[in-house]
Amino acid sequence: ALDVETESGDLELALPWYSSYLDVLAEKPPGELRIP
């Protein structure tokens, strides 16, 4: 399990996303978004 919380830190998460349940909540859309 992974529970991540940051105010303004950048995020780089490399996981096998096909085997993950994911929920990302961003109050402001990031300037750069790179996702599968």
Full PDB file with SEQRES, HELIX, SHEET, SSBOND, CRYST1, ORIGX, SCALE, CONECT and MASTER records, all heavy atoms in Angstrom:
SEQRES   1 A   36  ALA LEU ASP VAL GLU THR GLU SER GLY ASP LEU GLU LEU          
SEQRES   2 A   36  ALA LEU PRO TRP TYR SER SER TYR LEU ASP VAL LEU ALA          
SEQRES   3 A   36  GLU LYS PRO PRO GLY GLU LEU ARG ILE PRO                      
HELIX    1 AA1 TRP A   17  SER A   19  5                                   3    
CRYST1    1.000    1.000    1.000  90.00  90.00  90.00 P 1           1          
ORIGX1      1.000000  0.000000  0.000000        0.00000                         
ORIGX2      0.000000  1.000000  0.000000        0.00000                         
ORIGX3      0.000000  0.000000  1.000000        0.00000                         
SCALE1      1.000000  0.000000  0.000000        0.00000                         
SCALE2      0.000000  1.000000  0.000000        0.00000                         
SCALE3      0.000000  0.000000  1.000000        0.00000                         
ATOM      1  N   ALA A   1       0.867  -1.180   0.000  1.00  0.00           N  
ATOM      2  CA  ALA A   1       0.000   0.000   0.000  1.00  0.00           C  
ATOM      3  C   ALA A   1       0.899   1.224   0.000  1.00  0.00           C  
ATOM      4  O   ALA A   1       2.021   1.186   0.490  1.00  0.00           O  
ATOM      5  CB  ALA A   1      -0.912   0.014   1.220  1.00  0.00           C  
ATOM      6  N   LEU A   2       0.376   2.305  -0.569  1.00  0.00           N  
ATOM      7  CA  LEU A   2       1.133   3.547  -0.657  1.00  0.00           C  
ATOM      8  C   LEU A   2       0.184   4.703  -0.412  1.00  0.00           C  
ATOM      9  O   LEU A   2      -0.791   4.880  -1.140  1.00  0.00           O  
ATOM     10  CB  LEU A   2       1.788   3.669  -2.041  1.00  0.00           C  
ATOM     11  CG  LEU A   2       2.572   4.936  -2.347  1.00  0.00           C  
ATOM     12  CD1 LEU A   2       3.727   5.118  -1.368  1.00  0.00           C  
ATOM     13  CD2 LEU A   2       3.091   4.907  -3.781  1.00  0.00           C  
ATOM     14  N   ASP A   3       0.461   5.466   0.636  1.00  0.00           N  
ATOM     15  CA  ASP A   3      -0.327   6.651   0.976  1.00  0.00           C  
ATOM     16  C   ASP A   3       0.632   7.834   0.937  1.00  0.00           C  
ATOM     17  O   ASP A   3       1.555   7.913   1.753  1.00  0.00           O  
ATOM     18  CB  ASP A   3      -0.942   6.482   2.365  1.00  0.00           C  
ATOM     19  CG  ASP A   3      -1.925   7.581   2.707  1.00  0.00           C  
ATOM     20  OD1 ASP A   3      -1.838   8.687   2.132  1.00  0.00           O  
ATOM     21  OD2 ASP A   3      -2.790   7.354   3.568  1.00  0.00           O  
ATOM     22  N   VAL A   4       0.452   8.735  -0.042  1.00  0.00           N  
ATOM     23  CA  VAL A   4       1.358   9.855  -0.267  1.00  0.00           C  
ATOM     24  C   VAL A   4       0.607  11.160  -0.062  1.00  0.00           C  
ATOM     25  O   VAL A   4      -0.510  11.323  -0.573  1.00  0.00           O  
ATOM     26  CB  VAL A   4       1.920   9.810  -1.712  1.00  0.00           C  
ATOM     27  CG1 VAL A   4       2.708  11.070  -2.029  1.00  0.00           C  
ATOM     28  CG2 VAL A   4       2.773   8.576  -1.913  1.00  0.00           C  
ATOM     29  N   GLU A   5       1.233  12.073   0.678  1.00  0.00           N  
ATOM     30  CA  GLU A   5       0.627  13.397   0.859  1.00  0.00           C  
ATOM     31  C   GLU A   5       1.727  14.451   0.806  1.00  0.00           C  
ATOM     32  O   GLU A   5       2.753  14.322   1.467  1.00  0.00           O  
ATOM     33  CB  GLU A   5      -0.104  13.479   2.194  1.00  0.00           C  
ATOM     34  CG  GLU A   5      -0.875  14.770   2.356  1.00  0.00           C  
ATOM     35  CD  GLU A   5      -1.824  14.744   3.539  1.00  0.00           C  
ATOM     36  OE1 GLU A   5      -1.885  13.741   4.251  1.00  0.00           O  
ATOM     37  OE2 GLU A   5      -2.505  15.767   3.741  1.00  0.00           O  
ATOM     38  N   THR A   6       1.498  15.495  -0.026  1.00  0.00           N  
ATOM     39  CA  THR A   6       2.446  16.599  -0.118  1.00  0.00           C  
ATOM     40  C   THR A   6       1.679  17.884  -0.387  1.00  0.00           C  
ATOM     41  O   THR A   6       0.607  17.859  -0.984  1.00  0.00           O  
ATOM     42  CB  THR A   6       3.504  16.357  -1.224  1.00  0.00           C  
ATOM     43  OG1 THR A   6       4.453  17.431  -1.187  1.00  0.00           O  
ATOM     44  CG2 THR A   6       2.879  16.275  -2.602  1.00  0.00           C  
ATOM     45  N   GLU A   7       2.253  18.995   0.056  1.00  0.00           N  
ATOM     46  CA  GLU A   7       1.653  20.287  -0.288  1.00  0.00           C  
ATOM     47  C   GLU A   7       2.045  20.667  -1.706  1.00  0.00           C  
ATOM     48  O   GLU A   7       1.194  20.879  -2.546  1.00  0.00           O  
ATOM     49  CB  GLU A   7       2.085  21.359   0.713  1.00  0.00           C  
ATOM     50  CG  GLU A   7       1.415  21.219   2.059  1.00  0.00           C  
ATOM     51  CD  GLU A   7       1.830  22.299   3.035  1.00  0.00           C  
ATOM     52  OE1 GLU A   7       2.308  23.373   2.602  1.00  0.00           O  
ATOM     53  OE2 GLU A   7       1.669  22.063   4.245  1.00  0.00           O  
ATOM     54  N   SER A   8       3.371  20.749  -1.965  1.00  0.00           N  
ATOM     55  CA  SER A   8       3.800  21.199  -3.285  1.00  0.00           C  
ATOM     56  C   SER A   8       4.977  20.401  -3.847  1.00  0.00           C  
ATOM     57  O   SER A   8       5.557  20.794  -4.846  1.00  0.00           O  
ATOM     58  CB  SER A   8       4.170  22.686  -3.230  1.00  0.00           C  
ATOM     59  OG  SER A   8       5.230  22.892  -2.324  1.00  0.00           O  
ATOM     60  N   GLY A   9       5.320  19.300  -3.218  1.00  0.00           N  
ATOM     61  CA  GLY A   9       6.429  18.491  -3.705  1.00  0.00           C  
ATOM     62  C   GLY A   9       6.083  17.779  -5.004  1.00  0.00           C  
ATOM     63  O   GLY A   9       4.939  17.385  -5.226  1.00  0.00           O  
ATOM     64  N   ASP A  10       7.074  17.626  -5.884  1.00  0.00           N  
ATOM     65  CA  ASP A  10       6.873  16.870  -7.118  1.00  0.00           C  
ATOM     66  C   ASP A  10       6.733  15.390  -6.777  1.00  0.00           C  
ATOM     67  O   ASP A  10       7.235  14.925  -5.746  1.00  0.00           O  
ATOM     68  CB  ASP A  10       8.049  17.072  -8.074  1.00  0.00           C  
ATOM     69  CG  ASP A  10       8.099  18.480  -8.643  1.00  0.00           C  
ATOM     70  OD1 ASP A  10       7.080  19.198  -8.557  1.00  0.00           O  
ATOM     71  OD2 ASP A  10       9.157  18.868  -9.177  1.00  0.00           O  
ATOM     72  N   LEU A  11       6.083  14.649  -7.666  1.00  0.00           N  
ATOM     73  CA  LEU A  11       5.835  13.227  -7.446  1.00  0.00           C  
ATOM     74  C   LEU A  11       6.341  12.427  -8.633  1.00  0.00           C  
ATOM     75  O   LEU A  11       6.038  12.760  -9.781  1.00  0.00           O  
ATOM     76  CB  LEU A  11       4.341  12.968  -7.269  1.00  0.00           C  
ATOM     77  CG  LEU A  11       3.665  13.703  -6.116  1.00  0.00           C  
ATOM     78  CD1 LEU A  11       2.159  13.576  -6.216  1.00  0.00           C  
ATOM     79  CD2 LEU A  11       4.160  13.172  -4.786  1.00  0.00           C  
ATOM     80  N   GLU A  12       7.099  11.376  -8.359  1.00  0.00           N  
ATOM     81  CA  GLU A  12       7.542  10.444  -9.387  1.00  0.00           C  
ATOM     82  C   GLU A  12       7.330   9.038  -8.830  1.00  0.00           C  
ATOM     83  O   GLU A  12       8.069   8.587  -7.949  1.00  0.00           O  
ATOM     84  CB  GLU A  12       9.018  10.661  -9.733  1.00  0.00           C  
ATOM     85  CG  GLU A  12       9.501   9.742 -10.822  1.00  0.00           C  
ATOM     86  CD  GLU A  12      10.973   9.929 -11.146  1.00  0.00           C  
ATOM     87  OE1 GLU A  12      11.560  10.961 -10.746  1.00  0.00           O  
ATOM     88  OE2 GLU A  12      11.531   9.040 -11.792  1.00  0.00           O  
ATOM     89  N   LEU A  13       6.296   8.371  -9.316  1.00  0.00           N  
ATOM     90  CA  LEU A  13       5.930   7.058  -8.809  1.00  0.00           C  
ATOM     91  C   LEU A  13       6.026   6.047  -9.943  1.00  0.00           C  
ATOM     92  O   LEU A  13       5.335   6.179 -10.953  1.00  0.00           O  
ATOM     93  CB  LEU A  13       4.510   7.084  -8.240  1.00  0.00           C  
ATOM     94  CG  LEU A  13       4.211   8.201  -7.220  1.00  0.00           C  
ATOM     95  CD1 LEU A  13       2.756   8.148  -6.791  1.00  0.00           C  
ATOM     96  CD2 LEU A  13       5.133   8.110  -6.025  1.00  0.00           C  
ATOM     97  N   ALA A  14       6.884   5.046  -9.785  1.00  0.00           N  
ATOM     98  CA  ALA A  14       7.072   4.005 -10.788  1.00  0.00           C  
ATOM     99  C   ALA A  14       6.615   2.684 -10.174  1.00  0.00           C  
ATOM    100  O   ALA A  14       7.316   2.104  -9.349  1.00  0.00           O  
ATOM    101  CB  ALA A  14       8.529   3.933 -11.218  1.00  0.00           C  
ATOM    102  N   LEU A  15       5.422   2.255 -10.561  1.00  0.00           N  
ATOM    103  CA  LEU A  15       4.817   1.039 -10.034  1.00  0.00           C  
ATOM    104  C   LEU A  15       4.242   0.226 -11.177  1.00  0.00           C  
ATOM    105  O   LEU A  15       4.002   0.763 -12.257  1.00  0.00           O  
ATOM    106  CB  LEU A  15       3.668   1.378  -9.067  1.00  0.00           C  
ATOM    107  CG  LEU A  15       3.996   1.674  -7.608  1.00  0.00           C  
ATOM    108  CD1 LEU A  15       4.591   3.046  -7.452  1.00  0.00           C  
ATOM    109  CD2 LEU A  15       2.759   1.530  -6.754  1.00  0.00           C  
ATOM    110  N   PRO A  16       3.957  -1.053 -10.940  1.00  0.00           N  
ATOM    111  CA  PRO A  16       3.198  -1.816 -11.924  1.00  0.00           C  
ATOM    112  C   PRO A  16       1.718  -1.435 -11.780  1.00  0.00           C  
ATOM    113  O   PRO A  16       0.988  -2.043 -11.013  1.00  0.00           O  
ATOM    114  CB  PRO A  16       3.469  -3.277 -11.549  1.00  0.00           C  
ATOM    115  CG  PRO A  16       4.083  -3.270 -10.202  1.00  0.00           C  
ATOM    116  CD  PRO A  16       4.454  -1.870  -9.855  1.00  0.00           C  
ATOM    117  N   TRP A  17       1.311  -0.392 -12.483  1.00  0.00           N  
ATOM    118  CA  TRP A  17      -0.024   0.178 -12.281  1.00  0.00           C  
ATOM    119  C   TRP A  17      -1.145  -0.804 -12.621  1.00  0.00           C  
ATOM    120  O   TRP A  17      -2.228  -0.730 -12.070  1.00  0.00           O  
ATOM    121  CB  TRP A  17      -0.182   1.483 -13.075  1.00  0.00           C  
ATOM    122  CG  TRP A  17       0.722   2.551 -12.557  1.00  0.00           C  
ATOM    123  CD1 TRP A  17       1.803   3.082 -13.180  1.00  0.00           C  
ATOM    124  CD2 TRP A  17       0.662   3.172 -11.273  1.00  0.00           C  
ATOM    125  NE1 TRP A  17       2.421   4.000 -12.378  1.00  0.00           N  
ATOM    126  CE2 TRP A  17       1.740   4.077 -11.186  1.00  0.00           C  
ATOM    127  CE3 TRP A  17      -0.184   3.050 -10.175  1.00  0.00           C  
ATOM    128  CZ2 TRP A  17       1.984   4.848 -10.066  1.00  0.00           C  
ATOM    129  CZ3 TRP A  17       0.060   3.826  -9.058  1.00  0.00           C  
ATOM    130  CH2 TRP A  17       1.132   4.716  -9.010  1.00  0.00           C  
ATOM    131  N   TYR A  18      -0.880  -1.766 -13.512  1.00  0.00           N  
ATOM    132  CA  TYR A  18      -1.914  -2.749 -13.827  1.00  0.00           C  
ATOM    133  C   TYR A  18      -2.254  -3.616 -12.625  1.00  0.00           C  
ATOM    134  O   TYR A  18      -3.296  -4.246 -12.589  1.00  0.00           O  
ATOM    135  CB  TYR A  18      -1.485  -3.632 -15.009  1.00  0.00           C  
ATOM    136  CG  TYR A  18      -1.778  -3.009 -16.343  1.00  0.00           C  
ATOM    137  CD1 TYR A  18      -0.767  -2.490 -17.119  1.00  0.00           C  
ATOM    138  CD2 TYR A  18      -3.087  -2.937 -16.822  1.00  0.00           C  
ATOM    139  CE1 TYR A  18      -1.034  -1.911 -18.348  1.00  0.00           C  
ATOM    140  CE2 TYR A  18      -3.366  -2.351 -18.046  1.00  0.00           C  
ATOM    141  CZ  TYR A  18      -2.332  -1.845 -18.807  1.00  0.00           C  
ATOM    142  OH  TYR A  18      -2.605  -1.271 -20.014  1.00  0.00           O  
ATOM    143  N   SER A  19      -1.371  -3.669 -11.642  1.00  0.00           N  
ATOM    144  CA  SER A  19      -1.648  -4.457 -10.445  1.00  0.00           C  
ATOM    145  C   SER A  19      -1.974  -3.559  -9.253  1.00  0.00           C  
ATOM    146  O   SER A  19      -1.861  -3.979  -8.113  1.00  0.00           O  
ATOM    147  CB  SER A  19      -0.449  -5.354 -10.113  1.00  0.00           C  
ATOM    148  OG  SER A  19       0.652  -4.564  -9.734  1.00  0.00           O  
ATOM    149  N   SER A  20      -2.373  -2.319  -9.521  1.00  0.00           N  
ATOM    150  CA  SER A  20      -2.597  -1.351  -8.452  1.00  0.00           C  
ATOM    151  C   SER A  20      -3.989  -0.731  -8.538  1.00  0.00           C  
ATOM    152  O   SER A  20      -4.512  -0.499  -9.617  1.00  0.00           O  
ATOM    153  CB  SER A  20      -1.564  -0.218  -8.542  1.00  0.00           C  
ATOM    154  OG  SER A  20      -0.264  -0.710  -8.518  1.00  0.00           O  
ATOM    155  N   TYR A  21      -4.551  -0.464  -7.384  1.00  0.00           N  
ATOM    156  CA  TYR A  21      -5.745   0.365  -7.291  1.00  0.00           C  
ATOM    157  C   TYR A  21      -5.241   1.770  -6.996  1.00  0.00           C  
ATOM    158  O   TYR A  21      -4.509   1.977  -6.043  1.00  0.00           O  
ATOM    159  CB  TYR A  21      -6.666  -0.113  -6.173  1.00  0.00           C  
ATOM    160  CG  TYR A  21      -7.197  -1.502  -6.398  1.00  0.00           C  
ATOM    161  CD1 TYR A  21      -6.747  -2.560  -5.638  1.00  0.00           C  
ATOM    162  CD2 TYR A  21      -8.139  -1.745  -7.390  1.00  0.00           C  
ATOM    163  CE1 TYR A  21      -7.226  -3.840  -5.848  1.00  0.00           C  
ATOM    164  CE2 TYR A  21      -8.628  -3.021  -7.610  1.00  0.00           C  
ATOM    165  CZ  TYR A  21      -8.169  -4.063  -6.834  1.00  0.00           C  
ATOM    166  OH  TYR A  21      -8.638  -5.329  -7.049  1.00  0.00           O  
ATOM    167  N   LEU A  22      -5.618   2.736  -7.812  1.00  0.00           N  
ATOM    168  CA  LEU A  22      -5.032   4.065  -7.728  1.00  0.00           C  
ATOM    169  C   LEU A  22      -6.089   5.139  -7.572  1.00  0.00           C  
ATOM    170  O   LEU A  22      -7.115   5.125  -8.254  1.00  0.00           O  
ATOM    171  CB  LEU A  22      -4.231   4.354  -9.016  1.00  0.00           C  
ATOM    172  CG  LEU A  22      -3.736   5.784  -9.206  1.00  0.00           C  
ATOM    173  CD1 LEU A  22      -2.647   6.121  -8.192  1.00  0.00           C  
ATOM    174  CD2 LEU A  22      -3.221   5.995 -10.614  1.00  0.00           C  
ATOM    175  N   ASP A  23      -5.815   6.094  -6.699  1.00  0.00           N  
ATOM    176  CA  ASP A  23      -6.642   7.276  -6.558  1.00  0.00           C  
ATOM    177  C   ASP A  23      -5.710   8.453  -6.277  1.00  0.00           C  
ATOM    178  O   ASP A  23      -5.031   8.479  -5.255  1.00  0.00           O  
ATOM    179  CB  ASP A  23      -7.638   7.098  -5.413  1.00  0.00           C  
ATOM    180  CG  ASP A  23      -8.811   8.051  -5.487  1.00  0.00           C  
ATOM    181  OD1 ASP A  23      -8.869   8.862  -6.441  1.00  0.00           O  
ATOM    182  OD2 ASP A  23      -9.676   7.997  -4.603  1.00  0.00           O  
ATOM    183  N   VAL A  24      -5.614   9.400  -7.218  1.00  0.00           N  
ATOM    184  CA  VAL A  24      -4.796  10.599  -7.064  1.00  0.00           C  
ATOM    185  C   VAL A  24      -5.731  11.796  -7.005  1.00  0.00           C  
ATOM    186  O   VAL A  24      -6.560  11.979  -7.896  1.00  0.00           O  
ATOM    187  CB  VAL A  24      -3.806  10.792  -8.248  1.00  0.00           C  
ATOM    188  CG1 VAL A  24      -3.043  12.105  -8.111  1.00  0.00           C  
ATOM    189  CG2 VAL A  24      -2.839   9.624  -8.332  1.00  0.00           C  
ATOM    190  N   LEU A  25      -5.590  12.600  -5.985  1.00  0.00           N  
ATOM    191  CA  LEU A  25      -6.404  13.802  -5.824  1.00  0.00           C  
ATOM    192  C   LEU A  25      -5.480  15.011  -5.770  1.00  0.00           C  
ATOM    193  O   LEU A  25      -4.650  15.120  -4.870  1.00  0.00           O  
ATOM    194  CB  LEU A  25      -7.228  13.725  -4.539  1.00  0.00           C  
ATOM    195  CG  LEU A  25      -8.101  12.481  -4.386  1.00  0.00           C  
ATOM    196  CD1 LEU A  25      -8.622  12.365  -2.967  1.00  0.00           C  
ATOM    197  CD2 LEU A  25      -9.242  12.522  -5.376  1.00  0.00           C  
ATOM    198  N   ALA A  26      -5.597  15.898  -6.749  1.00  0.00           N  
ATOM    199  CA  ALA A  26      -4.774  17.111  -6.802  1.00  0.00           C  
ATOM    200  C   ALA A  26      -5.697  18.323  -6.705  1.00  0.00           C  
ATOM    201  O   ALA A  26      -6.591  18.479  -7.528  1.00  0.00           O  
ATOM    202  CB  ALA A  26      -3.983  17.156  -8.104  1.00  0.00           C  
ATOM    203  N   GLU A  27      -5.484  19.163  -5.688  1.00  0.00           N  
ATOM    204  CA  GLU A  27      -6.316  20.359  -5.532  1.00  0.00           C  
ATOM    205  C   GLU A  27      -6.130  21.314  -6.701  1.00  0.00           C  
ATOM    206  O   GLU A  27      -7.079  21.958  -7.129  1.00  0.00           O  
ATOM    207  CB  GLU A  27      -6.011  21.058  -4.209  1.00  0.00           C  
ATOM    208  CG  GLU A  27      -6.563  20.308  -3.019  1.00  0.00           C  
ATOM    209  CD  GLU A  27      -6.400  21.085  -1.728  1.00  0.00           C  
ATOM    210  OE1 GLU A  27      -6.378  22.335  -1.749  1.00  0.00           O  
ATOM    211  OE2 GLU A  27      -6.315  20.427  -0.679  1.00  0.00           O  
ATOM    212  N   LYS A  28      -4.893  21.429  -7.199  1.00  0.00           N  
ATOM    213  CA  LYS A  28      -4.615  22.213  -8.407  1.00  0.00           C  
ATOM    214  C   LYS A  28      -3.982  21.275  -9.416  1.00  0.00           C  
ATOM    215  O   LYS A  28      -3.084  20.512  -9.053  1.00  0.00           O  
ATOM    216  CB  LYS A  28      -3.643  23.358  -8.097  1.00  0.00           C  
ATOM    217  CG  LYS A  28      -4.262  24.500  -7.334  1.00  0.00           C  
ATOM    218  CD  LYS A  28      -3.257  25.566  -6.967  1.00  0.00           C  
ATOM    219  CE  LYS A  28      -2.491  26.057  -8.183  1.00  0.00           C  
ATOM    220  NZ  LYS A  28      -1.494  27.093  -7.842  1.00  0.00           N  
ATOM    221  N   PRO A  29      -4.413  21.304 -10.683  1.00  0.00           N  
ATOM    222  CA  PRO A  29      -3.774  20.442 -11.682  1.00  0.00           C  
ATOM    223  C   PRO A  29      -2.281  20.749 -11.769  1.00  0.00           C  
ATOM    224  O   PRO A  29      -1.883  21.911 -11.735  1.00  0.00           O  
ATOM    225  CB  PRO A  29      -4.480  20.810 -12.991  1.00  0.00           C  
ATOM    226  CG  PRO A  29      -5.774  21.413 -12.576  1.00  0.00           C  
ATOM    227  CD  PRO A  29      -5.503  22.093 -11.256  1.00  0.00           C  
ATOM    228  N   PRO A  30      -1.440  19.712 -11.854  1.00  0.00           N  
ATOM    229  CA  PRO A  30      -0.001  19.963 -11.948  1.00  0.00           C  
ATOM    230  C   PRO A  30       0.355  20.611 -13.277  1.00  0.00           C  
ATOM    231  O   PRO A  30      -0.340  20.431 -14.274  1.00  0.00           O  
ATOM    232  CB  PRO A  30       0.611  18.556 -11.833  1.00  0.00           C  
ATOM    233  CG  PRO A  30      -0.490  17.635 -12.206  1.00  0.00           C  
ATOM    234  CD  PRO A  30      -1.771  18.303 -11.853  1.00  0.00           C  
ATOM    235  N   GLY A  31       1.467  21.362 -13.288  1.00  0.00           N  
ATOM    236  CA  GLY A  31       1.945  21.976 -14.518  1.00  0.00           C  
ATOM    237  C   GLY A  31       2.334  20.929 -15.539  1.00  0.00           C  
ATOM    238  O   GLY A  31       2.114  21.094 -16.734  1.00  0.00           O  
ATOM    239  N   GLU A  32       2.940  19.824 -15.068  1.00  0.00           N  
ATOM    240  CA  GLU A  32       3.345  18.717 -15.936  1.00  0.00           C  
ATOM    241  C   GLU A  32       2.733  17.443 -15.389  1.00  0.00           C  
ATOM    242  O   GLU A  32       2.928  17.105 -14.227  1.00  0.00           O  
ATOM    243  CB  GLU A  32       4.868  18.563 -15.912  1.00  0.00           C  
ATOM    244  CG  GLU A  32       5.587  19.066 -17.117  1.00  0.00           C  
ATOM    245  CD  GLU A  32       7.063  18.759 -17.006  1.00  0.00           C  
ATOM    246  OE1 GLU A  32       7.473  17.633 -17.324  1.00  0.00           O  
ATOM    247  OE2 GLU A  32       7.792  19.682 -16.592  1.00  0.00           O  
ATOM    248  N   LEU A  33       2.009  16.730 -16.256  1.00  0.00           N  
ATOM    249  CA  LEU A  33       1.391  15.463 -15.869  1.00  0.00           C  
ATOM    250  C   LEU A  33       1.792  14.409 -16.882  1.00  0.00           C  
ATOM    251  O   LEU A  33       1.478  14.528 -18.069  1.00  0.00           O  
ATOM    252  CB  LEU A  33      -0.135  15.614 -15.830  1.00  0.00           C  
ATOM    253  CG  LEU A  33      -0.937  14.358 -15.514  1.00  0.00           C  
ATOM    254  CD1 LEU A  33      -0.657  13.884 -14.083  1.00  0.00           C  
ATOM    255  CD2 LEU A  33      -2.424  14.627 -15.700  1.00  0.00           C  
ATOM    256  N   ARG A  34       2.526  13.393 -16.418  1.00  0.00           N  
ATOM    257  CA  ARG A  34       2.946  12.291 -17.292  1.00  0.00           C  
ATOM    258  C   ARG A  34       2.425  11.002 -16.676  1.00  0.00           C  
ATOM    259  O   ARG A  34       2.871  10.593 -15.601  1.00  0.00           O  
ATOM    260  CB  ARG A  34       4.468  12.264 -17.425  1.00  0.00           C  
ATOM    261  CG  ARG A  34       5.027  13.518 -18.084  1.00  0.00           C  
ATOM    262  CD  ARG A  34       6.525  13.435 -18.318  1.00  0.00           C  
ATOM    263  NE  ARG A  34       7.314  13.417 -17.105  1.00  0.00           N  
ATOM    264  CZ  ARG A  34       7.900  14.484 -16.566  1.00  0.00           C  
ATOM    265  NH1 ARG A  34       7.774  15.668 -17.125  1.00  0.00           N  
ATOM    266  NH2 ARG A  34       8.624  14.369 -15.474  1.00  0.00           N  
ATOM    267  N   ILE A  35       1.470  10.354 -17.380  1.00  0.00           N  
ATOM    268  CA  ILE A  35       0.860   9.132 -16.851  1.00  0.00           C  
ATOM    269  C   ILE A  35       0.634   8.133 -17.984  1.00  0.00           C  
ATOM    270  O   ILE A  35       0.517   8.525 -19.145  1.00  0.00           O  
ATOM    271  CB  ILE A  35      -0.483   9.425 -16.141  1.00  0.00           C  
ATOM    272  CG1 ILE A  35      -1.515   9.992 -17.111  1.00  0.00           C  
ATOM    273  CG2 ILE A  35      -0.284  10.350 -14.955  1.00  0.00           C  
ATOM    274  CD1 ILE A  35      -2.912  10.115 -16.540  1.00  0.00           C  
ATOM    275  N   PRO A  36       0.546   6.837 -17.651  1.00  0.00           N  
ATOM    276  CA  PRO A  36       0.207   5.844 -18.669  1.00  0.00           C  
ATOM    277  C   PRO A  36      -1.201   6.084 -19.218  1.00  0.00           C  
ATOM    278  O   PRO A  36      -2.073   6.613 -18.523  1.00  0.00           O  
ATOM    279  CB  PRO A  36       0.272   4.519 -17.912  1.00  0.00           C  
ATOM    280  CG  PRO A  36       1.098   4.791 -16.697  1.00  0.00           C  
ATOM    281  CD  PRO A  36       0.862   6.231 -16.370  1.00  0.00           C  
TER     282      PRO A  36                                                      
MASTER        0    0    0    1    0    0    0    6  281    1    0    3          
END                                                                             
